[in-house]
Every structure is written in structure tokens, then in C-alpha cells.
Amino acid sequence: MAEFIDRQEEMQTLDNEYARKGSSFVVLYGRRRVGKTTLISEFIKNFNNI
């Protein structure tokens, strides 16, 4: 598996959206093989209930 690096801005955006009160809809898009699934996988490692 590739090393997860340099995604602080994207992780902060996800964290901000998760912390909002109420509902939020986030679209994650990009070319294939740029790490979209890995980004989400790394993000949810910090939570027990996701």
C-alpha cells in the first residue's frame, strides 16, 4: 500500500464538515488512482462510530 502523505488540507476539510452541527453532504471527486478511498479510510480511523 502507498504511503499516505501531504493530505493535511483535505483531512482538515473533512474534519470541519464532520464537526458541523446538522447534516452535511460532501462530494469527494478526482481522477482515478489519486487516493480518494485512501483519504476516507485514513479519516475514519479517528472515529469509532463511522
N, C-alpha and C. Protein backbone atom coordinates (compact mmCIF):
# COMPACT_ATOMS: atom_id res chain seq x y z
N MET A 1 0.84 -1.18 0.00
CA MET A 1 0.00 0.00 0.00
C MET A 1 0.89 1.24 0.00
N ALA A 2 0.47 2.26 -0.69
CA ALA A 2 1.23 3.51 -0.79
C ALA A 2 1.20 4.25 0.54
N GLU A 3 2.23 5.04 0.75
CA GLU A 3 2.31 5.85 1.96
C GLU A 3 1.33 7.01 1.86
N PHE A 4 0.68 7.33 2.95
CA PHE A 4 -0.29 8.42 2.99
C PHE A 4 0.43 9.70 3.42
N ILE A 5 0.60 10.63 2.48
CA ILE A 5 1.34 11.86 2.78
C ILE A 5 0.64 13.08 2.19
N ASP A 6 0.93 14.22 2.80
CA ASP A 6 0.55 15.54 2.28
C ASP A 6 -0.94 15.69 1.97
N ARG A 7 -1.78 15.31 2.90
CA ARG A 7 -3.22 15.49 2.72
C ARG A 7 -3.82 16.24 3.90
N GLN A 8 -3.02 17.10 4.53
CA GLN A 8 -3.50 17.82 5.71
C GLN A 8 -4.69 18.73 5.39
N GLU A 9 -4.64 19.41 4.27
CA GLU A 9 -5.73 20.32 3.91
C GLU A 9 -7.03 19.55 3.68
N GLU A 10 -6.94 18.44 2.98
CA GLU A 10 -8.13 17.63 2.72
C GLU A 10 -8.67 17.02 4.01
N MET A 11 -7.76 16.56 4.88
CA MET A 11 -8.19 15.99 6.16
C MET A 11 -8.85 17.06 7.03
N GLN A 12 -8.32 18.27 7.00
CA GLN A 12 -8.92 19.37 7.78
C GLN A 12 -10.31 19.70 7.25
N THR A 13 -10.48 19.69 5.95
CA THR A 13 -11.80 19.95 5.36
C THR A 13 -12.80 18.89 5.80
N LEU A 14 -12.41 17.63 5.75
CA LEU A 14 -13.30 16.56 6.19
C LEU A 14 -13.63 16.70 7.67
N ASP A 15 -12.63 17.03 8.47
CA ASP A 15 -12.83 17.20 9.91
C ASP A 15 -13.80 18.36 10.19
N ASN A 16 -13.64 19.46 9.47
CA ASN A 16 -14.54 20.60 9.64
C ASN A 16 -15.97 20.24 9.28
N GLU A 17 -16.16 19.53 8.21
CA GLU A 17 -17.51 19.12 7.80
C GLU A 17 -18.12 18.15 8.80
N TYR A 18 -17.32 17.24 9.31
CA TYR A 18 -17.81 16.27 10.29
C TYR A 18 -18.23 16.97 11.59
N ALA A 19 -17.53 18.03 11.96
CA ALA A 19 -17.79 18.73 13.21
C ALA A 19 -18.99 19.68 13.14
N ARG A 20 -19.47 19.97 11.95
CA ARG A 20 -20.61 20.89 11.80
C ARG A 20 -21.85 20.34 12.48
N LYS A 21 -22.65 21.24 13.00
CA LYS A 21 -23.94 20.84 13.55
C LYS A 21 -24.90 20.61 12.39
N GLY A 22 -25.76 19.64 12.52
CA GLY A 22 -26.71 19.35 11.47
C GLY A 22 -26.11 18.44 10.41
N SER A 23 -26.80 18.36 9.31
CA SER A 23 -26.38 17.47 8.23
C SER A 23 -25.45 18.19 7.27
N SER A 24 -24.62 17.40 6.62
CA SER A 24 -23.70 17.95 5.63
C SER A 24 -23.51 16.90 4.55
N PHE A 25 -23.37 17.35 3.33
CA PHE A 25 -23.14 16.45 2.20
C PHE A 25 -21.81 16.81 1.58
N VAL A 26 -20.91 15.85 1.53
CA VAL A 26 -19.57 16.08 0.99
C VAL A 26 -19.38 15.21 -0.24
N VAL A 27 -18.92 15.82 -1.31
CA VAL A 27 -18.62 15.09 -2.54
C VAL A 27 -17.10 15.02 -2.67
N LEU A 28 -16.61 13.83 -2.82
CA LEU A 28 -15.18 13.61 -3.00
C LEU A 28 -14.98 13.12 -4.42
N TYR A 29 -14.30 13.91 -5.22
CA TYR A 29 -14.12 13.52 -6.62
C TYR A 29 -12.68 13.77 -7.05
N GLY A 30 -12.31 13.12 -8.10
CA GLY A 30 -10.96 13.28 -8.66
C GLY A 30 -10.69 12.18 -9.66
N ARG A 31 -9.57 12.31 -10.34
CA ARG A 31 -9.18 11.28 -11.30
C ARG A 31 -9.01 9.95 -10.57
N ARG A 32 -9.03 8.89 -11.32
CA ARG A 32 -8.84 7.58 -10.71
C ARG A 32 -7.40 7.45 -10.23
N ARG A 33 -7.26 6.67 -9.16
CA ARG A 33 -5.95 6.33 -8.58
C ARG A 33 -5.21 7.53 -7.99
N VAL A 34 -5.97 8.52 -7.48
CA VAL A 34 -5.32 9.65 -6.82
C VAL A 34 -5.43 9.58 -5.29
N GLY A 35 -6.15 8.57 -4.77
CA GLY A 35 -6.20 8.36 -3.32
C GLY A 35 -7.48 8.75 -2.63
N LYS A 36 -8.60 8.78 -3.35
CA LYS A 36 -9.87 9.15 -2.73
C LYS A 36 -10.27 8.16 -1.64
N THR A 37 -10.22 6.90 -1.94
CA THR A 37 -10.59 5.87 -0.97
C THR A 37 -9.62 5.85 0.20
N THR A 38 -8.35 6.02 -0.07
CA THR A 38 -7.35 6.06 1.00
C THR A 38 -7.58 7.25 1.91
N LEU A 39 -7.93 8.39 1.34
CA LEU A 39 -8.22 9.58 2.14
C LEU A 39 -9.35 9.32 3.12
N ILE A 40 -10.44 8.76 2.63
CA ILE A 40 -11.58 8.46 3.50
C ILE A 40 -11.20 7.40 4.54
N SER A 41 -10.47 6.39 4.13
CA SER A 41 -10.04 5.33 5.06
C SER A 41 -9.19 5.90 6.19
N GLU A 42 -8.28 6.80 5.86
CA GLU A 42 -7.45 7.44 6.88
C GLU A 42 -8.29 8.33 7.78
N PHE A 43 -9.24 9.03 7.22
CA PHE A 43 -10.09 9.92 8.01
C PHE A 43 -10.91 9.14 9.04
N ILE A 44 -11.51 8.05 8.65
CA ILE A 44 -12.40 7.33 9.58
C ILE A 44 -11.64 6.53 10.63
N LYS A 45 -10.34 6.39 10.50
CA LYS A 45 -9.55 5.71 11.53
C LYS A 45 -9.64 6.43 12.87
N ASN A 46 -9.96 7.72 12.85
CA ASN A 46 -10.02 8.52 14.07
C ASN A 46 -11.35 8.40 14.81
N PHE A 47 -12.29 7.66 14.26
CA PHE A 47 -13.63 7.59 14.84
C PHE A 47 -14.03 6.13 15.07
N ASN A 48 -14.75 5.91 16.17
CA ASN A 48 -15.22 4.56 16.49
C ASN A 48 -16.57 4.25 15.86
N ASN A 49 -17.38 5.26 15.61
CA ASN A 49 -18.77 5.04 15.20
C ASN A 49 -19.05 5.32 13.73
N ILE A 50 -18.05 5.36 12.92
CA ILE A 50 -18.28 5.59 11.49
C ILE A 50 -18.12 4.27 10.78
